[in-house]
């Protein structure tokens, strides 16, 4: 049976599809949000936020991604707003801590089964 060709309306994923999504959708959307909240001068590392969301989604559960990124952003904003550190340092620290905590929630990998000879346990 011949292999089916991909539908012409759906492009197969490209190597750089995440980069394209980030550049085409996330960065402009983030810029609009920053402007709307009148904080357009703040630099947001979109890739770091998406990385945190990915870790939270895969380590905990999918709905944990937006909550985790929100709490990390809130913590960064509070730390910077209270003058504890710069905005960049606050964001890096909050994202790093949240990513570490989320990764720690990942289920442990199942132990590798030990190879045993069940038919001849004595090795004879």
N, C-alpha and C. Protein backbone atom coordinates (compact mmCIF):
# COMPACT_ATOMS: atom_id res chain seq x y z
N UNK A 1 0.84 -1.17 0.00
CA UNK A 1 0.00 0.00 0.00
C UNK A 1 0.90 1.24 0.00
N UNK A 2 0.69 2.19 -0.93
CA UNK A 2 1.55 3.37 -0.99
C UNK A 2 1.31 4.27 0.21
N UNK A 3 2.37 4.98 0.62
CA UNK A 3 2.27 5.89 1.75
C UNK A 3 1.37 7.07 1.38
N UNK A 4 0.58 7.49 2.36
CA UNK A 4 -0.29 8.64 2.13
C UNK A 4 0.51 9.92 2.15
N UNK A 5 0.18 10.82 1.28
CA UNK A 5 0.84 12.13 1.26
C UNK A 5 0.13 13.03 2.26
N UNK A 6 0.89 13.94 2.84
CA UNK A 6 0.32 14.90 3.78
C UNK A 6 -0.68 15.78 3.05
N UNK A 7 -1.72 16.15 3.75
CA UNK A 7 -2.72 17.04 3.18
C UNK A 7 -2.05 18.36 2.79
N UNK A 8 -2.38 18.93 1.64
CA UNK A 8 -1.74 20.19 1.24
C UNK A 8 -2.10 21.36 2.18
N UNK A 9 -3.15 21.20 2.98
CA UNK A 9 -3.54 22.29 3.89
C UNK A 9 -2.77 22.25 5.19
N UNK A 10 -2.11 21.15 5.48
CA UNK A 10 -1.38 21.02 6.74
C UNK A 10 0.10 20.83 6.43
N UNK A 11 0.89 21.77 6.89
CA UNK A 11 2.33 21.64 6.67
C UNK A 11 2.92 20.75 7.74
N UNK A 12 3.82 19.86 7.35
CA UNK A 12 4.49 19.04 8.36
C UNK A 12 5.36 19.92 9.25
N UNK A 13 5.55 19.53 10.50
CA UNK A 13 6.36 20.34 11.40
C UNK A 13 7.78 20.51 10.85
N UNK A 14 8.31 21.69 11.02
CA UNK A 14 9.67 21.99 10.60
C UNK A 14 10.59 21.92 11.81
N UNK A 15 11.87 21.80 11.55
CA UNK A 15 12.84 21.76 12.64
C UNK A 15 12.72 22.98 13.54
N UNK A 16 12.45 24.10 12.93
CA UNK A 16 12.42 25.34 13.69
C UNK A 16 11.00 25.80 13.98
N UNK A 17 10.06 24.88 14.08
CA UNK A 17 8.66 25.26 14.27
C UNK A 17 8.45 26.01 15.58
N UNK A 18 9.15 25.64 16.66
CA UNK A 18 9.01 26.37 17.91
C UNK A 18 9.50 27.80 17.76
N UNK A 19 10.60 27.96 17.06
CA UNK A 19 11.12 29.31 16.85
C UNK A 19 10.11 30.14 16.08
N UNK A 20 9.52 29.55 15.05
CA UNK A 20 8.54 30.28 14.25
C UNK A 20 7.32 30.65 15.08
N UNK A 21 6.83 29.73 15.89
CA UNK A 21 5.67 30.02 16.74
C UNK A 21 6.00 31.13 17.72
N UNK A 22 7.16 31.03 18.34
CA UNK A 22 7.57 32.05 19.30
C UNK A 22 7.68 33.41 18.63
N UNK A 23 8.35 33.45 17.49
CA UNK A 23 8.57 34.71 16.80
C UNK A 23 7.28 35.29 16.23
N UNK A 24 6.48 34.43 15.65
CA UNK A 24 5.29 34.91 14.95
C UNK A 24 4.12 35.24 15.89
N UNK A 25 3.97 34.49 16.97
CA UNK A 25 2.80 34.66 17.81
C UNK A 25 3.12 35.14 19.23
N UNK A 26 4.04 34.48 19.89
CA UNK A 26 4.29 34.78 21.31
C UNK A 26 4.93 36.15 21.52
N UNK A 27 5.95 36.47 20.75
CA UNK A 27 6.63 37.75 20.95
C UNK A 27 5.71 38.95 20.68
N UNK A 28 4.98 38.96 19.56
CA UNK A 28 4.07 40.10 19.34
C UNK A 28 2.97 40.18 20.40
N UNK A 29 2.46 39.03 20.81
CA UNK A 29 1.42 39.02 21.85
C UNK A 29 1.96 39.53 23.17
N UNK A 30 3.16 39.13 23.50
CA UNK A 30 3.79 39.59 24.74
C UNK A 30 4.03 41.10 24.67
N UNK A 31 4.47 41.56 23.53
CA UNK A 31 4.71 43.01 23.36
C UNK A 31 3.41 43.79 23.57
N UNK A 32 2.32 43.30 23.01
CA UNK A 32 1.02 43.97 23.19
C UNK A 32 0.59 43.99 24.66
N UNK A 33 0.81 42.87 25.35
CA UNK A 33 0.47 42.82 26.77
C UNK A 33 1.31 43.81 27.58
N UNK A 34 2.60 43.84 27.31
CA UNK A 34 3.48 44.76 28.04
C UNK A 34 3.06 46.21 27.79
N UNK A 35 2.71 46.53 26.57
CA UNK A 35 2.26 47.89 26.25
C UNK A 35 0.93 48.20 26.94
N UNK A 36 0.01 47.24 26.94
CA UNK A 36 -1.30 47.46 27.57
C UNK A 36 -1.16 47.68 29.07
N UNK A 37 -0.21 47.00 29.71
CA UNK A 37 0.01 47.16 31.14
C UNK A 37 0.99 48.29 31.45
N UNK A 38 1.39 49.01 30.39
CA UNK A 38 2.31 50.15 30.51
C UNK A 38 3.64 49.75 31.15
N UNK A 39 4.14 48.60 30.74
CA UNK A 39 5.45 48.13 31.20
C UNK A 39 6.27 47.66 29.99
N UNK A 40 6.13 48.37 28.89
CA UNK A 40 6.77 47.98 27.64
C UNK A 40 8.29 47.99 27.72
N UNK A 41 8.85 48.66 28.71
CA UNK A 41 10.30 48.74 28.83
C UNK A 41 10.90 47.49 29.49
N UNK A 42 10.07 46.57 29.95
CA UNK A 42 10.57 45.36 30.60
C UNK A 42 10.85 44.29 29.55
N UNK A 43 11.99 43.65 29.68
CA UNK A 43 12.39 42.57 28.77
C UNK A 43 11.88 41.24 29.32
N UNK A 44 11.13 40.52 28.51
CA UNK A 44 10.61 39.21 28.91
C UNK A 44 11.28 38.15 28.05
N UNK A 45 11.88 37.17 28.69
CA UNK A 45 12.50 36.05 27.98
C UNK A 45 11.40 35.04 27.67
N UNK A 46 10.78 35.18 26.52
CA UNK A 46 9.65 34.33 26.14
C UNK A 46 10.07 32.86 26.11
N UNK A 47 11.27 32.57 25.64
CA UNK A 47 11.71 31.18 25.59
C UNK A 47 11.83 30.58 26.98
N UNK A 48 12.30 31.37 27.96
CA UNK A 48 12.41 30.87 29.33
C UNK A 48 11.02 30.59 29.92
N UNK A 49 10.07 31.46 29.63
CA UNK A 49 8.70 31.27 30.13
C UNK A 49 8.09 30.02 29.49
N UNK A 50 8.28 29.86 28.19
CA UNK A 50 7.75 28.68 27.51
C UNK A 50 8.43 27.40 27.99
N UNK A 51 9.71 27.48 28.29
CA UNK A 51 10.43 26.33 28.82
C UNK A 51 9.86 25.93 30.18
N UNK A 52 9.62 26.91 31.03
CA UNK A 52 9.02 26.64 32.34
C UNK A 52 7.63 26.01 32.16
N UNK A 53 6.84 26.58 31.26
CA UNK A 53 5.50 26.03 31.02
C UNK A 53 5.58 24.58 30.56
N UNK A 54 6.55 24.27 29.70
CA UNK A 54 6.71 22.90 29.22
C UNK A 54 7.09 21.94 30.34
N UNK A 55 7.99 22.37 31.20
CA UNK A 55 8.39 21.52 32.33
C UNK A 55 7.21 21.29 33.26
N UNK A 56 6.47 22.35 33.57
CA UNK A 56 5.31 22.22 34.46
C UNK A 56 4.26 21.31 33.84
N UNK A 57 4.00 21.48 32.56
CA UNK A 57 2.97 20.67 31.88
C UNK A 57 3.34 19.20 31.86
N UNK A 58 4.61 18.90 31.66
CA UNK A 58 5.02 17.50 31.54
C UNK A 58 5.41 16.86 32.87
N UNK A 59 5.78 17.67 33.84
CA UNK A 59 6.19 17.12 35.13
C UNK A 59 5.03 17.00 36.11
N UNK A 60 4.09 17.91 36.01
CA UNK A 60 2.97 17.92 36.95
C UNK A 60 1.73 17.49 36.17
N UNK A 61 0.99 18.43 35.66
CA UNK A 61 -0.13 18.18 34.74
C UNK A 61 -0.22 19.39 33.83
N UNK A 62 -0.83 19.21 32.68
CA UNK A 62 -0.90 20.32 31.70
C UNK A 62 -1.46 21.61 32.28
N UNK A 63 -2.55 21.57 33.06
CA UNK A 63 -3.07 22.84 33.59
C UNK A 63 -2.11 23.55 34.55
N UNK A 64 -1.07 22.87 34.99
CA UNK A 64 -0.10 23.51 35.88
C UNK A 64 0.76 24.53 35.14
N UNK A 65 0.85 24.43 33.83
CA UNK A 65 1.71 25.33 33.06
C UNK A 65 1.35 26.81 33.23
N UNK A 66 0.10 27.22 32.96
CA UNK A 66 -0.20 28.64 33.12
C UNK A 66 -0.14 29.11 34.57
N UNK A 67 -0.55 28.26 35.49
CA UNK A 67 -0.52 28.64 36.90
C UNK A 67 0.93 28.82 37.36
N UNK A 68 1.79 27.91 36.97
CA UNK A 68 3.20 27.98 37.36
C UNK A 68 3.86 29.23 36.80
N UNK A 69 3.61 29.52 35.53
CA UNK A 69 4.22 30.71 34.93
C UNK A 69 3.65 31.98 35.55
N UNK A 70 2.36 31.98 35.88
CA UNK A 70 1.76 33.15 36.53
C UNK A 70 2.41 33.41 37.89
N UNK A 71 2.52 32.36 38.70
CA UNK A 71 3.09 32.52 40.04
C UNK A 71 4.55 32.97 39.95
N UNK A 72 5.30 32.41 39.01
CA UNK A 72 6.69 32.83 38.83
C UNK A 72 6.76 34.30 38.44
N UNK A 73 5.89 34.72 37.54
CA UNK A 73 5.86 36.13 37.13
C UNK A 73 5.45 37.05 38.26
N UNK A 74 4.48 36.62 39.04
CA UNK A 74 4.04 37.40 40.19
C UNK A 74 5.18 37.55 41.19
N UNK A 75 5.87 36.45 41.48
CA UNK A 75 6.99 36.49 42.42
C UNK A 75 8.09 37.43 41.91
N UNK A 76 8.38 37.34 40.62
CA UNK A 76 9.41 38.22 40.03
C UNK A 76 8.98 39.68 40.13
N UNK A 77 7.73 39.95 39.82
CA UNK A 77 7.24 41.32 39.89
C UNK A 77 7.28 41.89 41.30
N UNK A 78 6.89 41.08 42.26
CA UNK A 78 6.93 41.54 43.66
C UNK A 78 8.36 41.81 44.11
N UNK A 79 9.27 40.90 43.78
CA UNK A 79 10.67 41.07 44.18
C UNK A 79 11.27 42.33 43.56
N UNK A 80 11.01 42.53 42.28
CA UNK A 80 11.55 43.72 41.60
C UNK A 80 10.85 44.98 42.11
N UNK A 81 9.54 44.89 42.30
CA UNK A 81 8.78 46.06 42.76
C UNK A 81 9.16 46.52 44.15
N UNK A 82 9.58 45.58 44.99
CA UNK A 82 10.00 45.93 46.35
C UNK A 82 11.47 46.31 46.41
N UNK A 83 12.13 46.31 45.25
CA UNK A 83 13.51 46.73 45.19
C UNK A 83 14.51 45.69 45.67
N UNK A 84 14.09 44.43 45.77
CA UNK A 84 15.00 43.39 46.23
C UNK A 84 16.09 43.08 45.21
N UNK A 85 15.77 43.25 43.95
CA UNK A 85 16.72 42.97 42.87
C UNK A 85 16.21 43.61 41.58
N UNK A 86 17.00 43.54 40.54
CA UNK A 86 16.57 44.10 39.26
C UNK A 86 15.47 43.23 38.66
N UNK A 87 14.74 43.78 37.70
CA UNK A 87 13.69 43.02 37.03
C UNK A 87 14.25 41.76 36.36
N UNK A 88 15.39 41.90 35.67
CA UNK A 88 15.99 40.76 34.97
C UNK A 88 16.40 39.67 35.96
N UNK A 89 17.04 40.06 37.06
CA UNK A 89 17.45 39.07 38.06
C UNK A 89 16.24 38.41 38.72
N UNK A 90 15.21 39.21 38.99
CA UNK A 90 14.00 38.66 39.61
C UNK A 90 13.34 37.63 38.71
N UNK A 91 13.25 37.95 37.41
CA UNK A 91 12.63 37.01 36.48
C UNK A 91 13.46 35.75 36.35
N UNK A 92 14.77 35.90 36.22
CA UNK A 92 15.64 34.73 36.09
C UNK A 92 15.54 33.84 37.33
N UNK A 93 15.56 34.44 38.50
CA UNK A 93 15.49 33.66 39.75
C UNK A 93 14.14 32.97 39.90
N UNK A 94 13.06 33.69 39.62
CA UNK A 94 11.72 33.11 39.77
C UNK A 94 11.48 31.99 38.76
N UNK A 95 11.88 32.21 37.52
CA UNK A 95 11.70 31.17 36.51
C UNK A 95 12.56 29.95 36.84
N UNK A 96 13.78 30.20 37.29
CA UNK A 96 14.67 29.09 37.64
C UNK A 96 14.13 28.27 38.80
N UNK A 97 13.66 28.96 39.85
CA UNK A 97 13.13 28.24 41.01
C UNK A 97 11.87 27.46 40.64
N UNK A 98 10.98 28.09 39.89
CA UNK A 98 9.74 27.42 39.50
C UNK A 98 10.03 26.20 38.62
N UNK A 99 11.00 26.33 37.73
CA UNK A 99 11.36 25.21 36.85
C UNK A 99 11.94 24.06 37.67
N UNK A 100 12.79 24.39 38.63
CA UNK A 100 13.39 23.36 39.48
C UNK A 100 12.31 22.64 40.30
N UNK A 101 11.38 23.41 40.87
CA UNK A 101 10.32 22.81 41.67
C UNK A 101 9.38 21.95 40.81
N UNK A 102 9.06 22.46 39.62
CA UNK A 102 8.17 21.70 38.73
C UNK A 102 8.85 20.40 38.29
N UNK A 103 10.12 20.47 37.95
CA UNK A 103 10.85 19.27 37.51
C UNK A 103 10.91 18.23 38.63
N UNK A 104 10.98 18.70 39.87
CA UNK A 104 11.05 17.78 41.00
C UNK A 104 9.74 17.01 41.19
N UNK A 105 8.67 17.51 40.61
CA UNK A 105 7.36 16.84 40.71
C UNK A 105 7.18 15.75 39.68
N UNK A 106 8.11 15.62 38.75
CA UNK A 106 7.99 14.61 37.71
C UNK A 106 7.98 13.22 38.33
N UNK A 107 7.12 12.36 37.83
CA UNK A 107 7.10 11.00 38.37
C UNK A 107 8.45 10.33 38.11
N UNK A 108 8.86 9.51 39.06
CA UNK A 108 10.13 8.80 38.91
C UNK A 108 10.01 7.81 37.76
N UNK A 109 11.09 7.68 37.03
CA UNK A 109 11.11 6.71 35.93
C UNK A 109 11.02 5.31 36.51
N UNK A 110 10.27 4.44 35.86
CA UNK A 110 10.17 3.08 36.38
C UNK A 110 11.55 2.41 36.37
N UNK A 111 11.78 1.62 37.38
CA UNK A 111 13.04 0.91 37.47
C UNK A 111 13.16 -0.09 36.33
N UNK A 112 14.35 -0.25 35.84
CA UNK A 112 14.59 -1.22 34.77
C UNK A 112 14.42 -2.62 35.33
N UNK A 113 13.70 -3.47 34.62
CA UNK A 113 13.55 -4.83 35.12
C UNK A 113 14.90 -5.54 35.09
N UNK A 114 15.15 -6.32 36.10
CA UNK A 114 16.39 -7.09 36.18
C UNK A 114 16.21 -8.33 35.32
N UNK A 115 17.17 -8.57 34.46
CA UNK A 115 17.08 -9.74 33.60
C UNK A 115 17.33 -10.99 34.42
N UNK A 116 16.36 -11.86 34.44
CA UNK A 116 16.53 -13.13 35.16
C UNK A 116 16.09 -14.24 34.25
N UNK A 117 16.65 -15.37 34.49
CA UNK A 117 16.27 -16.56 33.72
C UNK A 117 15.19 -17.27 34.52
N UNK A 118 13.93 -16.99 34.19
CA UNK A 118 12.83 -17.57 34.94
C UNK A 118 12.61 -19.05 34.63
N UNK A 119 13.07 -19.48 33.44
CA UNK A 119 12.89 -20.88 33.09
C UNK A 119 13.93 -21.77 33.76
N UNK A 120 15.10 -21.22 33.97
CA UNK A 120 16.18 -22.01 34.55
C UNK A 120 16.91 -21.14 35.57
N UNK A 121 16.30 -20.88 36.75
CA UNK A 121 16.90 -19.97 37.72
C UNK A 121 18.25 -20.42 38.23
N UNK A 122 18.57 -21.69 38.19
CA UNK A 122 19.85 -22.17 38.68
C UNK A 122 20.96 -22.01 37.64
N UNK A 123 20.57 -21.63 36.43
CA UNK A 123 21.55 -21.44 35.38
C UNK A 123 22.00 -22.74 34.75
N UNK A 124 21.29 -23.80 34.97
CA UNK A 124 21.67 -25.12 34.42
C UNK A 124 21.12 -25.31 33.05
